[in-house]
Amino acid sequence: MSNGQAVSFPLGWFPVLQAATAAEREHFAISMDRHQLLWPEIDEDINVPALLSFQSEHAARQRDSREQAFPYWPPE
């Protein structure tokens, strides 16, 4: 990220990247507006804002499911 923060995602979320060779995955570009990651050799593009939005929603769903599995103690 531009602020130095690193964000990671499971490779399994991206079947085209998962099927690519390590060399193909390493050859990527960042769009001029910094909103896309591009892998020209394998014709794969990822929209970064959409991916980050999905990550936030996914984390919220995981947090909600943990809270339901482990209710607050002591009960109110």
Protein backbone atom coordinates (compact mmCIF):
# COMPACT_ATOMS: atom_id res chain seq x y z
CA MET A 1 0.00 0.00 0.00
CA SER A 2 1.13 3.59 -0.48
CA ASN A 3 1.33 4.01 3.31
CA GLY A 4 3.76 1.09 3.63
CA GLN A 5 1.14 -1.31 4.94
CA ALA A 6 1.18 -4.83 3.48
CA VAL A 7 -2.04 -6.66 2.72
CA SER A 8 -2.23 -10.33 1.82
CA PHE A 9 -4.94 -12.54 0.40
CA PRO A 10 -5.16 -16.30 -0.12
CA LEU A 11 -3.91 -17.31 -3.55
CA GLY A 12 -6.95 -19.59 -3.80
CA TRP A 13 -9.14 -16.48 -4.20
CA PHE A 14 -7.52 -15.95 -7.61
CA PRO A 15 -7.67 -19.13 -9.70
CA VAL A 16 -5.90 -17.57 -12.70
CA LEU A 17 -2.99 -16.46 -10.51
CA GLN A 18 -2.95 -19.78 -8.71
CA ALA A 19 -2.61 -21.61 -12.04
CA ALA A 20 0.14 -19.25 -13.23
CA THR A 21 3.82 -19.93 -12.75
CA ALA A 22 5.75 -18.04 -10.09
CA ALA A 23 7.52 -16.09 -12.85
CA GLU A 24 4.17 -15.08 -14.38
CA ARG A 25 2.85 -13.95 -10.98
CA GLU A 26 5.99 -11.90 -10.35
CA HIS A 27 5.58 -9.99 -13.65
CA PHE A 28 2.83 -7.51 -12.83
CA ALA A 29 2.17 -3.81 -13.20
CA ILE A 30 0.24 -1.20 -11.26
CA SER A 31 -2.15 1.00 -13.23
CA MET A 32 -1.47 4.73 -13.48
CA ASP A 33 -4.41 5.48 -11.15
CA ARG A 34 -3.10 2.80 -8.73
CA HIS A 35 -6.50 1.07 -8.69
CA GLN A 36 -5.58 -2.02 -10.71
CA LEU A 37 -2.99 -4.75 -10.49
CA LEU A 38 -2.27 -6.12 -13.95
CA TRP A 39 -0.66 -9.36 -15.10
CA PRO A 40 -0.39 -8.86 -18.88
CA GLU A 41 1.12 -12.28 -19.69
CA ILE A 42 -1.86 -14.13 -18.20
CA ASP A 43 -4.51 -11.47 -18.94
CA GLU A 44 -5.47 -10.98 -15.28
CA ASP A 45 -6.51 -7.69 -13.64
CA ILE A 46 -7.53 -7.08 -10.04
CA ASN A 47 -9.37 -3.99 -8.87
CA VAL A 48 -7.64 -2.99 -5.62
CA PRO A 49 -10.44 -0.86 -4.04
CA ALA A 50 -12.96 -3.65 -4.70
CA LEU A 51 -10.60 -6.24 -3.23
CA LEU A 52 -9.98 -4.15 -0.11
CA SER A 53 -13.72 -3.57 0.28
CA PHE A 54 -14.36 -7.30 0.01
CA GLN A 55 -11.63 -7.97 2.57
CA SER A 56 -13.30 -5.56 5.03
CA GLU A 57 -16.70 -7.21 4.53
CA HIS A 58 -15.15 -10.67 4.89
CA ALA A 59 -13.41 -9.68 8.14
CA ALA A 60 -16.66 -8.23 9.52
CA ARG A 61 -18.54 -11.46 8.71
CA GLN A 62 -15.83 -13.53 10.42
CA ARG A 63 -15.95 -11.28 13.48
CA ASP A 64 -19.76 -11.54 13.63
CA SER A 65 -19.65 -15.33 13.39
CA ARG A 66 -17.06 -15.51 16.20
CA GLU A 67 -19.20 -13.26 18.38
CA GLN A 68 -22.21 -15.51 17.82
CA ALA A 69 -20.16 -18.62 18.62
CA PHE A 70 -18.75 -17.07 21.80
CA PRO A 71 -21.36 -14.89 23.52
CA TYR A 72 -20.29 -12.13 25.85
CA TRP A 73 -19.71 -13.13 29.45
CA PRO A 74 -21.20 -12.48 31.87
CA PRO A 75 -24.65 -12.47 30.31
CA GLU A 76 -26.54 -9.20 30.68
